[in-house]
Amino acid sequence: GIVYCLSRAKTEDIANWLTLQGREAVAYHAGLPAEQRAETQARFLREDQLIIVATIAFGMGIDKPDVRFVAHLNLPKSVEAYYQETGRAGRDGDPAQATMFWGAGDFAQARQRLAELSEERRGDERTRLDMLAALVETPTCRRAVLLRHFGEEPAATCGNCDNCLTPPKVTDATETARKLLSAAYRTGQS
């Protein structure tokens, strides 16, 4: 499998942690010497049980058909990056899984990085971040959202993503607020 992390230090920490858990894992990032990166990539291609923990520096040109999972431990840079990175799993047609771990703090950090960009780049990057937020926060089929992003017209549900398999409970906040305000008004609370 492949585990993507945002920082070089995190790739090394997670690879070490996985190794301590009894899984063989190695870090891969642009800060490693070229020879070490080449050897790590060669090992990944030839060893079945090796987990590679990498920054986005890993994966371009990798053609390993039997990757069983791709995990993101940070938000990817964009919907396009997510699609490309998760597309490395299951190329042999056998089942594979993509998992993304994220929190509100990830979006706050990404928005802070936007402030460091030039005004002209900031708008495009904000749009990319908003599209990524739409994907991760949707209560509907994620595959449909992803494919619509690329101009396709998929079925409403795929039957395979987390939201299709276990639909989240959705509440209309406007209606809930009206009911709470109405109840508070009737009881004299404010």
N, C-alpha and C. Protein backbone atom coordinates (compact mmCIF):
# COMPACT_ATOMS: atom_id res chain seq x y z
N GLY A 1 0.81 -1.19 0.00
CA GLY A 1 0.00 0.00 0.00
C GLY A 1 0.85 1.24 0.00
N ILE A 2 0.19 2.35 -0.21
CA ILE A 2 0.84 3.66 -0.20
C ILE A 2 0.12 4.54 0.81
N VAL A 3 0.89 5.19 1.67
CA VAL A 3 0.36 6.15 2.64
C VAL A 3 0.97 7.50 2.29
N TYR A 4 0.11 8.47 2.01
CA TYR A 4 0.59 9.82 1.67
C TYR A 4 0.52 10.72 2.89
N CYS A 5 1.61 11.47 3.10
CA CYS A 5 1.70 12.46 4.18
C CYS A 5 2.16 13.78 3.59
N LEU A 6 1.88 14.85 4.29
CA LEU A 6 2.22 16.18 3.79
C LEU A 6 3.69 16.52 3.98
N SER A 7 4.31 16.05 5.05
CA SER A 7 5.68 16.46 5.34
C SER A 7 6.65 15.28 5.32
N ARG A 8 7.91 15.61 5.07
CA ARG A 8 8.97 14.61 5.07
C ARG A 8 9.09 13.95 6.44
N ALA A 9 9.04 14.77 7.48
CA ALA A 9 9.18 14.24 8.85
C ALA A 9 8.05 13.26 9.16
N LYS A 10 6.83 13.59 8.73
CA LYS A 10 5.70 12.70 9.02
C LYS A 10 5.84 11.37 8.29
N THR A 11 6.39 11.38 7.06
CA THR A 11 6.58 10.11 6.35
C THR A 11 7.50 9.20 7.15
N GLU A 12 8.56 9.77 7.69
CA GLU A 12 9.51 8.96 8.47
C GLU A 12 8.90 8.48 9.78
N ASP A 13 8.16 9.36 10.46
CA ASP A 13 7.49 8.97 11.71
C ASP A 13 6.49 7.85 11.48
N ILE A 14 5.67 7.96 10.46
CA ILE A 14 4.64 6.95 10.19
C ILE A 14 5.29 5.64 9.74
N ALA A 15 6.31 5.71 8.91
CA ALA A 15 7.00 4.48 8.48
C ALA A 15 7.60 3.77 9.69
N ASN A 16 8.21 4.52 10.59
CA ASN A 16 8.76 3.91 11.81
C ASN A 16 7.66 3.31 12.67
N TRP A 17 6.55 4.00 12.83
CA TRP A 17 5.45 3.51 13.63
C TRP A 17 4.89 2.22 13.04
N LEU A 18 4.68 2.19 11.73
CA LEU A 18 4.17 0.98 11.08
C LEU A 18 5.12 -0.19 11.28
N THR A 19 6.41 0.07 11.18
CA THR A 19 7.41 -0.98 11.39
C THR A 19 7.33 -1.52 12.81
N LEU A 20 7.15 -0.63 13.78
CA LEU A 20 7.00 -1.05 15.18
C LEU A 20 5.72 -1.88 15.38
N GLN A 21 4.73 -1.68 14.51
CA GLN A 21 3.48 -2.44 14.58
C GLN A 21 3.60 -3.79 13.87
N GLY A 22 4.79 -4.08 13.33
CA GLY A 22 5.01 -5.37 12.67
C GLY A 22 4.79 -5.36 11.17
N ARG A 23 4.61 -4.21 10.57
CA ARG A 23 4.45 -4.09 9.12
C ARG A 23 5.73 -3.52 8.55
N GLU A 24 6.16 -4.02 7.42
CA GLU A 24 7.36 -3.48 6.79
C GLU A 24 6.99 -2.22 6.03
N ALA A 25 7.60 -1.10 6.42
CA ALA A 25 7.28 0.18 5.81
C ALA A 25 8.55 1.01 5.66
N VAL A 26 8.59 1.80 4.59
CA VAL A 26 9.72 2.68 4.34
C VAL A 26 9.20 4.06 3.95
N ALA A 27 9.99 5.07 4.28
CA ALA A 27 9.64 6.45 3.93
C ALA A 27 10.22 6.79 2.55
N TYR A 28 9.52 7.67 1.87
CA TYR A 28 9.98 8.16 0.56
C TYR A 28 9.62 9.63 0.46
N HIS A 29 10.63 10.46 0.24
CA HIS A 29 10.40 11.89 0.04
C HIS A 29 11.57 12.50 -0.71
N ALA A 30 11.39 13.71 -1.18
CA ALA A 30 12.39 14.37 -2.02
C ALA A 30 13.68 14.69 -1.27
N GLY A 31 13.66 14.66 0.05
CA GLY A 31 14.87 14.96 0.82
C GLY A 31 15.84 13.80 0.93
N LEU A 32 15.43 12.62 0.49
CA LEU A 32 16.31 11.46 0.52
C LEU A 32 17.28 11.52 -0.65
N PRO A 33 18.48 10.94 -0.48
CA PRO A 33 19.41 10.89 -1.61
C PRO A 33 18.78 10.14 -2.79
N ALA A 34 19.15 10.53 -3.99
CA ALA A 34 18.57 9.93 -5.20
C ALA A 34 18.71 8.42 -5.22
N GLU A 35 19.87 7.91 -4.78
CA GLU A 35 20.08 6.45 -4.78
C GLU A 35 19.11 5.76 -3.84
N GLN A 36 18.86 6.36 -2.67
CA GLN A 36 17.93 5.77 -1.71
C GLN A 36 16.50 5.79 -2.25
N ARG A 37 16.12 6.89 -2.90
CA ARG A 37 14.79 6.96 -3.50
C ARG A 37 14.63 5.88 -4.57
N ALA A 38 15.66 5.71 -5.40
CA ALA A 38 15.59 4.71 -6.47
C ALA A 38 15.48 3.30 -5.89
N GLU A 39 16.24 3.01 -4.84
CA GLU A 39 16.19 1.68 -4.22
C GLU A 39 14.83 1.46 -3.54
N THR A 40 14.32 2.47 -2.87
CA THR A 40 13.01 2.36 -2.22
C THR A 40 11.93 2.09 -3.26
N GLN A 41 11.97 2.80 -4.36
CA GLN A 41 10.98 2.60 -5.42
C GLN A 41 11.11 1.19 -6.01
N ALA A 42 12.34 0.72 -6.22
CA ALA A 42 12.56 -0.63 -6.76
C ALA A 42 12.03 -1.69 -5.79
N ARG A 43 12.27 -1.50 -4.49
CA ARG A 43 11.75 -2.43 -3.48
C ARG A 43 10.24 -2.47 -3.51
N PHE A 44 9.63 -1.31 -3.61
CA PHE A 44 8.18 -1.25 -3.62
C PHE A 44 7.61 -2.03 -4.81
N LEU A 45 8.27 -1.92 -5.95
CA LEU A 45 7.79 -2.61 -7.14
C LEU A 45 7.94 -4.12 -7.05
N ARG A 46 8.97 -4.59 -6.35
CA ARG A 46 9.22 -6.04 -6.32
C ARG A 46 8.69 -6.74 -5.08
N GLU A 47 8.45 -6.03 -3.98
CA GLU A 47 8.01 -6.66 -2.73
C GLU A 47 6.51 -6.47 -2.54
N ASP A 48 5.84 -7.58 -2.25
CA ASP A 48 4.38 -7.54 -2.13
C ASP A 48 3.86 -6.89 -0.85
N GLN A 49 4.52 -7.06 0.26
CA GLN A 49 3.97 -6.60 1.54
C GLN A 49 4.52 -5.26 2.01
N LEU A 50 5.36 -4.63 1.23
CA LEU A 50 5.99 -3.37 1.63
C LEU A 50 4.98 -2.22 1.54
N ILE A 51 4.95 -1.41 2.59
CA ILE A 51 4.14 -0.20 2.61
C ILE A 51 5.09 0.97 2.42
N ILE A 52 4.75 1.84 1.50
CA ILE A 52 5.58 3.03 1.30
C ILE A 52 4.82 4.22 1.86
N VAL A 53 5.49 5.00 2.68
CA VAL A 53 4.90 6.19 3.29
C VAL A 53 5.61 7.36 2.63
N ALA A 54 4.86 8.16 1.88
CA ALA A 54 5.49 9.11 0.98
C ALA A 54 4.82 10.47 0.97
N THR A 55 5.59 11.44 0.55
CA THR A 55 5.02 12.73 0.18
C THR A 55 4.55 12.58 -1.26
N ILE A 56 4.01 13.65 -1.81
CA ILE A 56 3.53 13.56 -3.18
C ILE A 56 4.66 13.36 -4.17
N ALA A 57 5.91 13.38 -3.70
CA ALA A 57 7.05 13.12 -4.59
C ALA A 57 7.02 11.70 -5.12
N PHE A 58 6.24 10.83 -4.48
CA PHE A 58 6.20 9.43 -4.89
C PHE A 58 4.99 9.13 -5.75
N GLY A 59 5.20 8.31 -6.74
CA GLY A 59 4.06 7.76 -7.47
C GLY A 59 4.03 8.06 -8.94
N MET A 60 4.63 9.16 -9.36
CA MET A 60 4.60 9.47 -10.78
C MET A 60 5.35 8.38 -11.54
N GLY A 61 4.69 7.78 -12.49
CA GLY A 61 5.34 6.75 -13.29
C GLY A 61 5.36 5.38 -12.64
N ILE A 62 4.78 5.23 -11.44
CA ILE A 62 4.74 3.94 -10.77
C ILE A 62 3.66 3.10 -11.43
N ASP A 63 4.02 1.91 -11.86
CA ASP A 63 3.05 1.01 -12.46
C ASP A 63 3.09 -0.32 -11.72
N LYS A 64 2.50 -0.32 -10.54
CA LYS A 64 2.38 -1.54 -9.75
C LYS A 64 0.90 -1.86 -9.69
N PRO A 65 0.46 -2.91 -10.36
CA PRO A 65 -0.97 -3.16 -10.49
C PRO A 65 -1.66 -3.65 -9.22
N ASP A 66 -0.90 -4.22 -8.26
CA ASP A 66 -1.53 -4.86 -7.11
C ASP A 66 -1.44 -4.05 -5.81
N VAL A 67 -1.50 -2.74 -5.91
CA VAL A 67 -1.56 -1.90 -4.72
C VAL A 67 -2.96 -2.08 -4.13
N ARG A 68 -3.05 -2.51 -2.88
CA ARG A 68 -4.34 -2.82 -2.27
C ARG A 68 -4.96 -1.63 -1.55
N PHE A 69 -4.14 -0.66 -1.16
CA PHE A 69 -4.73 0.51 -0.51
C PHE A 69 -3.87 1.75 -0.74
N VAL A 70 -4.56 2.89 -0.72
CA VAL A 70 -3.92 4.20 -0.70
C VAL A 70 -4.58 4.95 0.44
N ALA A 71 -3.77 5.48 1.34
CA ALA A 71 -4.29 6.25 2.48
C ALA A 71 -3.67 7.65 2.45
N HIS A 72 -4.48 8.63 2.73
CA HIS A 72 -4.00 10.00 2.88
C HIS A 72 -4.12 10.36 4.36
N LEU A 73 -2.99 10.68 4.98
CA LEU A 73 -3.02 11.09 6.39
C LEU A 73 -3.11 12.61 6.53
N ASN A 74 -3.12 13.29 5.41
CA ASN A 74 -3.36 14.73 5.32
C ASN A 74 -4.21 14.96 4.09
N LEU A 75 -4.79 16.14 4.02
CA LEU A 75 -5.54 16.49 2.81
C LEU A 75 -4.60 16.48 1.62
N PRO A 76 -5.03 15.92 0.51
CA PRO A 76 -4.23 16.08 -0.70
C PRO A 76 -4.29 17.54 -1.15
N LYS A 77 -3.46 17.88 -2.11
CA LYS A 77 -3.40 19.27 -2.57
C LYS A 77 -4.66 19.71 -3.31
N SER A 78 -5.34 18.76 -3.97
CA SER A 78 -6.51 19.11 -4.77
C SER A 78 -7.29 17.84 -5.09
N VAL A 79 -8.47 18.02 -5.66
CA VAL A 79 -9.27 16.87 -6.11
C VAL A 79 -8.49 16.10 -7.18
N GLU A 80 -7.82 16.84 -8.06
CA GLU A 80 -7.03 16.20 -9.11
C GLU A 80 -5.92 15.33 -8.53
N ALA A 81 -5.21 15.85 -7.52
CA ALA A 81 -4.15 15.08 -6.88
C ALA A 81 -4.71 13.85 -6.20
N TYR A 82 -5.84 14.01 -5.51
CA TYR A 82 -6.48 12.88 -4.85
C TYR A 82 -6.85 11.79 -5.85
N TYR A 83 -7.44 12.19 -6.95
CA TYR A 83 -7.85 11.24 -7.98
C TYR A 83 -6.64 10.49 -8.55
N GLN A 84 -5.59 11.24 -8.82
CA GLN A 84 -4.38 10.62 -9.36
C GLN A 84 -3.76 9.66 -8.35
N GLU A 85 -3.65 10.09 -7.11
CA GLU A 85 -3.00 9.26 -6.08
C GLU A 85 -3.82 8.01 -5.75
N THR A 86 -5.13 8.16 -5.61
CA THR A 86 -5.95 6.98 -5.31
C THR A 86 -6.03 6.04 -6.50
N GLY A 87 -5.83 6.58 -7.69
CA GLY A 87 -5.85 5.76 -8.89
C GLY A 87 -4.72 4.75 -8.98
N ARG A 88 -3.79 4.81 -8.06
CA ARG A 88 -2.69 3.85 -8.03
C ARG A 88 -3.09 2.54 -7.36
N ALA A 89 -4.26 2.50 -6.77
CA ALA A 89 -4.73 1.29 -6.09
C ALA A 89 -5.63 0.47 -7.00
N GLY A 90 -5.47 -0.83 -6.95
CA GLY A 90 -6.38 -1.74 -7.64
C GLY A 90 -6.32 -1.74 -9.14
N ARG A 91 -5.21 -1.40 -9.71
CA ARG A 91 -5.11 -1.37 -11.18
C ARG A 91 -5.23 -2.76 -11.80
N ASP A 92 -5.07 -3.80 -10.98
CA ASP A 92 -5.21 -5.17 -11.49
C ASP A 92 -6.66 -5.62 -11.52
N GLY A 93 -7.57 -4.76 -11.08
CA GLY A 93 -8.99 -5.09 -11.09
C GLY A 93 -9.48 -5.75 -9.82
N ASP A 94 -8.58 -6.14 -8.93
CA ASP A 94 -8.98 -6.72 -7.64
C ASP A 94 -9.36 -5.60 -6.68
N PRO A 95 -10.12 -5.93 -5.63
CA PRO A 95 -10.55 -4.89 -4.68
C PRO A 95 -9.38 -4.13 -4.06
N ALA A 96 -9.58 -2.85 -3.90
CA ALA A 96 -8.60 -1.98 -3.27
C ALA A 96 -9.37 -0.90 -2.52
N GLN A 97 -8.70 -0.25 -1.60
CA GLN A 97 -9.38 0.74 -0.77
C GLN A 97 -8.60 2.05 -0.75
N ALA A 98 -9.34 3.15 -0.77
CA ALA A 98 -8.76 4.48 -0.60
C ALA A 98 -9.38 5.08 0.65
N THR A 99 -8.53 5.60 1.52
CA THR A 99 -8.99 6.19 2.77
C THR A 99 -8.30 7.53 2.96
N MET A 100 -9.09 8.53 3.37
CA MET A 100 -8.51 9.84 3.66
C MET A 100 -8.90 10.23 5.09
N PHE A 101 -7.90 10.60 5.84
CA PHE A 101 -8.12 11.10 7.20
C PHE A 101 -7.92 12.61 7.15
N TRP A 102 -8.90 13.34 7.64
CA TRP A 102 -8.82 14.79 7.62
C TRP A 102 -9.62 15.36 8.77
N GLY A 103 -9.36 16.60 9.06
CA GLY A 103 -10.10 17.31 10.09
C GLY A 103 -10.22 18.77 9.71
N ALA A 104 -11.02 19.49 10.44
CA ALA A 104 -11.23 20.92 10.16
C ALA A 104 -9.91 21.68 10.22
N GLY A 105 -9.01 21.24 11.09
CA GLY A 105 -7.71 21.90 11.20
C GLY A 105 -6.90 21.83 9.92
N ASP A 106 -7.09 20.75 9.15
CA ASP A 106 -6.40 20.64 7.86
C ASP A 106 -6.83 21.75 6.92
N PHE A 107 -8.13 22.05 6.91
CA PHE A 107 -8.62 23.12 6.04
C PHE A 107 -8.17 24.48 6.57
N ALA A 108 -8.14 24.65 7.89
CA ALA A 108 -7.67 25.92 8.45
C ALA A 108 -6.20 26.15 8.07
N GLN A 109 -5.40 25.10 8.16
CA GLN A 109 -3.98 25.21 7.80
C GLN A 109 -3.83 25.52 6.30
N ALA A 110 -4.63 24.87 5.48
CA ALA A 110 -4.57 25.12 4.04
C ALA A 110 -4.98 26.56 3.72
N ARG A 111 -5.97 27.07 4.43
CA ARG A 111 -6.40 28.44 4.20
C ARG A 111 -5.34 29.44 4.65
N GLN A 112 -4.59 29.10 5.71
CA GLN A 112 -3.49 29.96 6.14
C GLN A 112 -2.41 30.01 5.06
N ARG A 113 -2.14 28.87 4.43
CA ARG A 113 -1.14 28.84 3.36
C ARG A 113 -1.58 29.69 2.17
N LEU A 114 -2.89 29.81 1.96
CA LEU A 114 -3.40 30.65 0.87
C LEU A 114 -2.96 32.10 1.05
N ALA A 115 -2.91 32.56 2.27
CA ALA A 115 -2.54 33.95 2.54
C ALA A 115 -1.11 34.25 2.10
N GLU A 116 -0.28 33.23 1.99
CA GLU A 116 1.12 33.41 1.59
C GLU A 116 1.28 33.52 0.08
N LEU A 117 0.22 33.25 -0.67
CA LEU A 117 0.30 33.25 -2.14
C LEU A 117 0.02 34.63 -2.70
N SER A 118 0.44 34.83 -3.93
CA SER A 118 0.13 36.08 -4.62
C SER A 118 -1.38 36.15 -4.83
N GLU A 119 -1.87 37.35 -4.99
CA GLU A 119 -3.31 37.56 -5.16
C GLU A 119 -3.86 36.76 -6.34
N GLU A 120 -3.13 36.72 -7.44
CA GLU A 120 -3.62 36.01 -8.64
C GLU A 120 -3.68 34.50 -8.43
N ARG A 121 -2.74 33.92 -7.69
CA ARG A 121 -2.77 32.47 -7.44
C ARG A 121 -3.75 32.10 -6.35
N ARG A 122 -3.98 33.02 -5.43
CA ARG A 122 -4.84 32.75 -4.29
C ARG A 122 -6.25 32.33 -4.71
N GLY A 123 -6.82 33.00 -5.70
CA GLY A 123 -8.17 32.68 -6.14
C GLY A 123 -8.28 31.27 -6.68
N ASP A 124 -7.33 30.88 -7.54
CA ASP A 124 -7.34 29.52 -8.10
C ASP A 124 -7.17 28.47 -7.01
N GLU A 125 -6.26 28.72 -6.09
CA GLU A 125 -6.01 27.76 -5.01
C GLU A 125 -7.19 27.67 -4.06
N ARG A 126 -7.87 28.79 -3.82
CA ARG A 126 -9.06 28.79 -2.98
C ARG A 126 -10.16 27.95 -3.64
N THR A 127 -10.30 28.09 -4.94
CA THR A 127 -11.29 27.29 -5.68
C THR A 127 -10.95 25.81 -5.55
N ARG A 128 -9.68 25.44 -5.70
CA ARG A 128 -9.27 24.04 -5.56
C ARG A 128 -9.58 23.51 -4.16
N LEU A 129 -9.30 24.33 -3.15
CA LEU A 129 -9.56 23.93 -1.77
C LEU A 129 -11.07 23.78 -1.53
N ASP A 130 -11.86 24.67 -2.07
CA ASP A 130 -13.32 24.56 -1.93
C ASP A 130 -13.85 23.29 -2.61
N MET A 131 -13.29 22.94 -3.76
CA MET A 131 -13.71 21.71 -4.45
C MET A 131 -13.34 20.48 -3.62
N LEU A 132 -12.18 20.51 -2.98
CA LEU A 132 -11.76 19.41 -2.12
C LEU A 132 -12.69 19.31 -0.90
N ALA A 133 -13.05 20.45 -0.34
CA ALA A 133 -13.99 20.46 0.79
C ALA A 133 -15.33 19.87 0.37
N ALA A 134 -15.79 20.19 -0.82
CA ALA A 134 -17.06 19.64 -1.31
C ALA A 134 -16.99 18.12 -1.40
N LEU A 135 -15.85 17.60 -1.81
CA LEU A 135 -15.69 16.15 -1.92
C LEU A 135 -15.69 15.48 -0.54
N VAL A 136 -14.91 16.00 0.39
CA VAL A 136 -14.79 15.31 1.68
C VAL A 136 -15.99 15.53 2.59
N GLU A 137 -16.72 16.62 2.39
CA GLU A 137 -17.85 16.91 3.27
C GLU A 137 -19.19 16.44 2.73
N THR A 138 -19.22 15.91 1.52
CA THR A 138 -20.51 15.55 0.93
C THR A 138 -21.18 14.39 1.67
N PRO A 139 -22.48 14.47 1.86
CA PRO A 139 -23.20 13.32 2.42
C PRO A 139 -23.69 12.38 1.31
N THR A 140 -23.43 12.74 0.05
CA THR A 140 -23.87 11.93 -1.08
C THR A 140 -22.71 11.07 -1.59
N CYS A 141 -22.92 10.38 -2.65
CA CYS A 141 -21.92 9.48 -3.24
C CYS A 141 -20.64 10.25 -3.59
N ARG A 142 -19.54 9.83 -3.00
CA ARG A 142 -18.27 10.50 -3.26
C ARG A 142 -17.79 10.26 -4.69
N ARG A 143 -18.00 9.06 -5.19
CA ARG A 143 -17.56 8.77 -6.56
C ARG A 143 -18.30 9.66 -7.55
N ALA A 144 -19.58 9.86 -7.33
CA ALA A 144 -20.36 10.73 -8.22
C ALA A 144 -19.83 12.16 -8.17
N VAL A 145 -19.53 12.66 -6.97
CA VAL A 145 -18.98 14.01 -6.83
C VAL A 145 -17.64 14.10 -7.57
N LEU A 146 -16.82 13.10 -7.38
CA LEU A 146 -15.50 13.07 -8.01
C LEU A 146 -15.62 13.05 -9.54
N LEU A 147 -16.46 12.19 -10.06
CA LEU A 147 -16.60 12.09 -11.51
C LEU A 147 -17.24 13.33 -12.12
N ARG A 148 -18.21 13.95 -11.41
CA ARG A 148 -18.80 15.19 -11.91
C ARG A 148 -17.76 16.31 -11.97
N HIS A 149 -16.82 16.28 -11.03
CA HIS A 149 -15.74 17.27 -11.03
C HIS A 149 -14.97 17.23 -12.34
N PHE A 150 -14.86 16.04 -12.92
CA PHE A 150 -14.12 15.87 -14.18
C PHE A 150 -15.03 15.87 -15.40
N GLY A 151 -16.27 16.36 -15.22
CA GLY A 151 -17.15 16.54 -16.35
C GLY A 151 -17.95 15.33 -16.76
N GLU A 152 -17.92 14.27 -15.98
CA GLU A 152 -18.70 13.08 -16.31
C GLU A 152 -20.09 13.18 -15.67
N GLU A 153 -21.01 12.37 -16.15
CA GLU A 153 -22.37 12.31 -15.61
C GLU A 153 -22.61 10.89 -15.08
N PRO A 154 -22.13 10.60 -13.87
CA PRO A 154 -22.26 9.25 -13.32
C PRO A 154 -23.66 9.00 -12.76
N ALA A 155 -23.89 7.75 -12.40
CA ALA A 155 -25.11 7.40 -11.67
C ALA A 155 -25.09 8.14 -10.34
N ALA A 156 -26.24 8.31 -9.73
CA ALA A 156 -26.34 9.05 -8.47
C ALA A 156 -25.58 8.37 -7.34
N THR A 157 -25.50 7.04 -7.38
CA THR A 157 -24.78 6.30 -6.35
C THR A 157 -23.90 5.23 -6.99
N CYS A 158 -22.78 4.94 -6.32
CA CYS A 158 -21.87 3.91 -6.83
C CYS A 158 -22.06 2.59 -6.09
N GLY A 159 -22.63 2.66 -4.88
CA GLY A 159 -22.83 1.45 -4.09
C GLY A 159 -21.56 0.94 -3.44
N ASN A 160 -20.48 1.73 -3.52
CA ASN A 160 -19.20 1.24 -3.01
C ASN A 160 -18.47 2.22 -2.08
N CYS A 161 -18.76 3.51 -2.17
CA CYS A 161 -18.05 4.47 -1.30
C CYS A 161 -18.66 4.43 0.10
N ASP A 162 -18.00 5.09 1.03
CA ASP A 162 -18.47 5.08 2.41
C ASP A 162 -19.87 5.65 2.55
N ASN A 163 -20.20 6.70 1.82
CA ASN A 163 -21.53 7.29 1.93
C ASN A 163 -22.61 6.42 1.32
N CYS A 164 -22.28 5.65 0.29
CA CYS A 164 -23.26 4.73 -0.29
C CYS A 164 -23.45 3.51 0.61
N LEU A 165 -22.36 3.03 1.19
CA LEU A 165 -22.45 1.84 2.04
C LEU A 165 -23.08 2.13 3.39
N THR A 166 -22.80 3.30 3.95
CA THR A 166 -23.35 3.71 5.24
C THR A 166 -23.75 5.18 5.13
N PRO A 167 -24.93 5.45 4.61
CA PRO A 167 -25.33 6.84 4.42
C PRO A 167 -25.32 7.61 5.74
N PRO A 168 -24.71 8.80 5.73
CA PRO A 168 -24.69 9.59 6.95
C PRO A 168 -26.07 10.19 7.23
N LYS A 169 -26.33 10.43 8.50
CA LYS A 169 -27.58 11.09 8.87
C LYS A 169 -27.42 12.57 8.52
N VAL A 170 -28.39 13.10 7.81
CA VAL A 170 -28.35 14.49 7.38
C VAL A 170 -29.50 15.22 8.04
N THR A 171 -29.20 16.37 8.58
CA THR A 171 -30.21 17.19 9.24
C THR A 171 -30.28 18.54 8.56
N ASP A 172 -31.49 19.02 8.30
CA ASP A 172 -31.68 20.34 7.74
C ASP A 172 -31.53 21.33 8.89
N ALA A 173 -30.41 22.03 8.93
CA ALA A 173 -30.12 22.93 10.03
C ALA A 173 -31.12 24.08 10.11
N THR A 174 -31.62 24.53 8.98
CA THR A 174 -32.58 25.63 8.98
C THR A 174 -33.87 25.19 9.67
N GLU A 175 -34.36 24.01 9.32
CA GLU A 175 -35.59 23.51 9.93
C GLU A 175 -35.38 23.24 11.42
N THR A 176 -34.24 22.69 11.79
CA THR A 176 -33.94 22.43 13.20
C THR A 176 -33.90 23.75 13.99
N ALA A 177 -33.27 24.77 13.41
CA ALA A 177 -33.20 26.07 14.08
C ALA A 177 -34.60 26.67 14.27
N ARG A 178 -35.43 26.54 13.26
CA ARG A 178 -36.81 27.07 13.37
C ARG A 178 -37.56 26.38 14.51
N LYS A 179 -37.42 25.06 14.60
CA LYS A 179 -38.11 24.31 15.66
C LYS A 179 -37.59 24.73 17.03
N LEU A 180 -36.29 24.89 17.16
CA LEU A 180 -35.72 25.30 18.45
C LEU A 180 -36.17 26.71 18.83
N LEU A 181 -36.16 27.61 17.87
CA LEU A 181 -36.60 28.98 18.14
C LEU A 181 -38.09 29.03 18.49
N SER A 182 -38.88 28.24 17.79
CA SER A 182 -40.31 28.18 18.06
C SER A 182 -40.56 27.65 19.46
N ALA A 183 -39.87 26.60 19.83
CA ALA A 183 -40.04 26.01 21.17
C ALA A 183 -39.58 26.99 22.24
N ALA A 184 -38.49 27.70 22.01
CA ALA A 184 -38.00 28.68 22.97
C ALA A 184 -38.98 29.83 23.11
N TYR A 185 -39.57 30.27 22.01
CA TYR A 185 -40.53 31.35 22.02
C TYR A 185 -41.76 30.97 22.81
N ARG A 186 -42.25 29.71 22.61
CA ARG A 186 -43.45 29.25 23.31
C ARG A 186 -43.21 29.16 24.81
N THR A 187 -42.01 28.83 25.22
CA THR A 187 -41.75 28.68 26.65
C THR A 187 -41.22 29.96 27.28
N GLY A 188 -41.08 31.01 26.46
CA GLY A 188 -40.63 32.30 26.99
C GLY A 188 -39.13 32.39 27.13
N GLN A 189 -38.41 31.45 26.58
CA GLN A 189 -36.94 31.51 26.64
C GLN A 189 -36.42 32.30 25.44
N SER A 190 -35.25 32.86 25.60
CA SER A 190 -34.65 33.55 24.46
C SER A 190 -33.18 33.30 24.43
